[in-house]
Amino acid sequence: MNKPIEIAAVLIDIEAHLRQLGHWERSPPAAEALASTEPFCIDTLSLPQWLQFVFLPTMYQLLEAGEPLPSRCGITPMAEEYFQGSGLPLEALLQSLADVDKLLNDD
C-alpha cells in the first residue's frame, strides 16, 4: 500500500474513534477559535476539536492536492496527556494517532 493511502486510512480511523468516544461535534467552533496560532490551538480548542476541525481537514486537503505532507508529527503524547484519567477506552484512538505519527515521521 502506498503511503498516502495508508495515511488516509488512518485519518478515517481517527474520525471513527472520535465518533465512538463521543468526541465528534456537529458544528464547527467560531472562526476566531480556528484562527489560533498556538500549537494544537491549545488556547481555543480542545484536542478532539483540533483533530476534527484543523488536523483532519488539513491532512485530507494535502492528500487530495498531492501536496507535501508534514515531515514531523507528534500528536500521540498530546492525546495521552489530554485524555489522562478520562476513563475512556482510548487504546484504538491512541494507536491510530501513533500510526499517523509514525507514517509522517518516517519520511
C-alpha atoms as a PDB file:
ATOM      1  CA  MET A   1       0.000   0.000   0.000  1.00  0.00           C
ATOM      2  CA  ASN A   2       1.361   3.439  -0.770  1.00  0.00           C
ATOM      3  CA  LYS A   3       1.923   5.974   1.984  1.00  0.00           C
ATOM      4  CA  PRO A   4      -0.854   8.473   1.064  1.00  0.00           C
ATOM      5  CA  ILE A   5      -3.418   5.660   1.061  1.00  0.00           C
ATOM      6  CA  GLU A   6      -2.107   4.364   4.392  1.00  0.00           C
ATOM      7  CA  ILE A   7      -2.332   7.857   5.896  1.00  0.00           C
ATOM      8  CA  ALA A   8      -5.850   8.403   4.532  1.00  0.00           C
ATOM      9  CA  ALA A   9      -6.962   5.099   6.061  1.00  0.00           C
ATOM     10  CA  VAL A  10      -5.573   6.086   9.464  1.00  0.00           C
ATOM     11  CA  LEU A  11      -7.277   9.507   9.242  1.00  0.00           C
ATOM     12  CA  ILE A  12     -10.600   7.737   8.647  1.00  0.00           C
ATOM     13  CA  ASP A  13      -9.883   5.550  11.679  1.00  0.00           C
ATOM     14  CA  ILE A  14      -9.166   8.615  13.833  1.00  0.00           C
ATOM     15  CA  GLU A  15     -12.524  10.117  12.868  1.00  0.00           C
ATOM     16  CA  ALA A  16     -14.303   6.846  13.629  1.00  0.00           C
ATOM     17  CA  HIS A  17     -12.637   6.558  17.036  1.00  0.00           C
ATOM     18  CA  LEU A  18     -13.509  10.154  17.948  1.00  0.00           C
ATOM     19  CA  ARG A  19     -17.130   9.486  16.995  1.00  0.00           C
ATOM     20  CA  GLN A  20     -17.227   6.266  19.035  1.00  0.00           C
ATOM     21  CA  LEU A  21     -15.819   8.106  22.058  1.00  0.00           C
ATOM     22  CA  GLY A  22     -18.425  10.869  21.758  1.00  0.00           C
ATOM     23  CA  HIS A  23     -15.806  13.471  20.853  1.00  0.00           C
ATOM     24  CA  TRP A  24     -17.161  14.470  17.435  1.00  0.00           C
ATOM     25  CA  GLU A  25     -19.082  17.721  17.146  1.00  0.00           C
ATOM     26  CA  ARG A  26     -21.921  18.598  14.795  1.00  0.00           C
ATOM     27  CA  SER A  27     -20.967  22.275  14.448  1.00  0.00           C
ATOM     28  CA  PRO A  28     -17.563  23.850  13.962  1.00  0.00           C
ATOM     29  CA  PRO A  29     -16.208  26.299  16.526  1.00  0.00           C
ATOM     30  CA  ALA A  30     -16.140  30.031  15.817  1.00  0.00           C
ATOM     31  CA  ALA A  31     -13.728  31.214  13.137  1.00  0.00           C
ATOM     32  CA  GLU A  32     -11.727  33.055  15.804  1.00  0.00           C
ATOM     33  CA  ALA A  33     -11.105  29.776  17.642  1.00  0.00           C
ATOM     34  CA  LEU A  34      -9.868  28.155  14.442  1.00  0.00           C
ATOM     35  CA  ALA A  35      -7.528  31.085  13.760  1.00  0.00           C
ATOM     36  CA  SER A  36      -5.349  30.402  16.812  1.00  0.00           C
ATOM     37  CA  THR A  37      -1.618  30.424  16.171  1.00  0.00           C
ATOM     38  CA  GLU A  38      -0.822  28.244  19.187  1.00  0.00           C
ATOM     39  CA  PRO A  39       0.217  24.600  18.641  1.00  0.00           C
ATOM     40  CA  PHE A  40      -2.891  22.380  18.593  1.00  0.00           C
ATOM     41  CA  CYS A  41      -4.932  25.628  19.004  1.00  0.00           C
ATOM     42  CA  ILE A  42      -4.486  24.816  22.677  1.00  0.00           C
ATOM     43  CA  ASP A  43      -5.732  28.252  23.722  1.00  0.00           C
ATOM     44  CA  THR A  44      -9.055  27.989  21.866  1.00  0.00           C
ATOM     45  CA  LEU A  45      -9.903  24.336  21.078  1.00  0.00           C
ATOM     46  CA  SER A  46      -9.939  21.007  22.868  1.00  0.00           C
ATOM     47  CA  LEU A  47      -7.697  18.343  21.356  1.00  0.00           C
ATOM     48  CA  PRO A  48     -10.665  16.480  19.808  1.00  0.00           C
ATOM     49  CA  GLN A  49     -11.869  19.765  18.265  1.00  0.00           C
ATOM     50  CA  TRP A  50      -8.392  20.423  16.874  1.00  0.00           C
ATOM     51  CA  LEU A  51      -8.261  16.930  15.383  1.00  0.00           C
ATOM     52  CA  GLN A  52     -11.738  17.303  13.844  1.00  0.00           C
ATOM     53  CA  PHE A  53     -11.599  20.861  12.589  1.00  0.00           C
ATOM     54  CA  VAL A  54      -7.898  21.512  11.918  1.00  0.00           C
ATOM     55  CA  PHE A  55      -5.773  18.370  11.613  1.00  0.00           C
ATOM     56  CA  LEU A  56      -8.071  16.035   9.678  1.00  0.00           C
ATOM     57  CA  PRO A  57      -9.296  18.631   7.121  1.00  0.00           C
ATOM     58  CA  THR A  58      -5.751  19.909   6.579  1.00  0.00           C
ATOM     59  CA  MET A  59      -4.387  16.421   6.044  1.00  0.00           C
ATOM     60  CA  TYR A  60      -7.214  15.481   3.658  1.00  0.00           C
ATOM     61  CA  GLN A  61      -6.603  18.688   1.653  1.00  0.00           C
ATOM     62  CA  LEU A  62      -2.873  17.964   1.396  1.00  0.00           C
ATOM     63  CA  LEU A  63      -3.524  14.374   0.321  1.00  0.00           C
ATOM     64  CA  GLU A  64      -6.151  15.345  -2.266  1.00  0.00           C
ATOM     65  CA  ALA A  65      -3.938  18.070  -3.737  1.00  0.00           C
ATOM     66  CA  GLY A  66      -0.856  15.843  -3.785  1.00  0.00           C
ATOM     67  CA  GLU A  67       0.969  18.413  -1.664  1.00  0.00           C
ATOM     68  CA  PRO A  68       3.899  17.523   0.588  1.00  0.00           C
ATOM     69  CA  LEU A  69       2.838  16.151   3.961  1.00  0.00           C
ATOM     70  CA  PRO A  70       4.306  17.296   7.273  1.00  0.00           C
ATOM     71  CA  SER A  71       7.669  15.668   7.929  1.00  0.00           C
ATOM     72  CA  ARG A  72       7.219  15.680  11.701  1.00  0.00           C
ATOM     73  CA  CYS A  73       4.165  14.728  13.717  1.00  0.00           C
ATOM     74  CA  GLY A  74       3.763  14.154  17.443  1.00  0.00           C
ATOM     75  CA  ILE A  75       0.079  14.045  18.290  1.00  0.00           C
ATOM     76  CA  THR A  76       0.118  10.915  20.459  1.00  0.00           C
ATOM     77  CA  PRO A  77       1.834  12.426  23.533  1.00  0.00           C
ATOM     78  CA  MET A  78      -0.598  15.357  23.441  1.00  0.00           C
ATOM     79  CA  ALA A  79      -3.565  12.951  23.254  1.00  0.00           C
ATOM     80  CA  GLU A  80      -2.215  10.826  26.102  1.00  0.00           C
ATOM     81  CA  GLU A  81      -1.957  13.948  28.258  1.00  0.00           C
ATOM     82  CA  TYR A  82      -5.346  15.325  27.207  1.00  0.00           C
ATOM     83  CA  PHE A  83      -7.268  12.119  27.877  1.00  0.00           C
ATOM     84  CA  GLN A  84      -5.330  11.086  31.011  1.00  0.00           C
ATOM     85  CA  GLY A  85      -7.745  10.000  33.706  1.00  0.00           C
ATOM     86  CA  SER A  86     -10.782  10.226  31.413  1.00  0.00           C
ATOM     87  CA  GLY A  87     -11.661   6.561  31.878  1.00  0.00           C
ATOM     88  CA  LEU A  88     -12.474   6.303  28.170  1.00  0.00           C
ATOM     89  CA  PRO A  89     -11.430   3.231  26.133  1.00  0.00           C
ATOM     90  CA  LEU A  90      -8.678   5.051  24.252  1.00  0.00           C
ATOM     91  CA  GLU A  91      -6.456   2.233  23.021  1.00  0.00           C
ATOM     92  CA  ALA A  92      -7.741   2.288  19.416  1.00  0.00           C
ATOM     93  CA  LEU A  93      -7.612   6.089  19.119  1.00  0.00           C
ATOM     94  CA  LEU A  94      -4.121   6.281  20.607  1.00  0.00           C
ATOM     95  CA  GLN A  95      -2.938   3.500  18.284  1.00  0.00           C
ATOM     96  CA  SER A  96      -4.301   5.343  15.232  1.00  0.00           C
ATOM     97  CA  LEU A  97      -2.627   8.567  16.363  1.00  0.00           C
ATOM     98  CA  ALA A  98       0.634   6.684  16.899  1.00  0.00           C
ATOM     99  CA  ASP A  99       0.249   5.205  13.403  1.00  0.00           C
ATOM    100  CA  VAL A 100      -0.169   8.625  11.790  1.00  0.00           C
ATOM    101  CA  ASP A 101       2.792   9.967  13.801  1.00  0.00           C
ATOM    102  CA  LYS A 102       4.938   7.060  12.595  1.00  0.00           C
ATOM    103  CA  LEU A 103       3.835   7.353   8.959  1.00  0.00           C
ATOM    104  CA  LEU A 104       4.593  11.072   8.857  1.00  0.00           C
ATOM    105  CA  ASN A 105       7.871  10.818  10.798  1.00  0.00           C
ATOM    106  CA  ASP A 106       9.277   8.014   8.622  1.00  0.00           C
ATOM    107  CA  ASP A 107       9.933  10.289   5.642  1.00  0.00           C
END
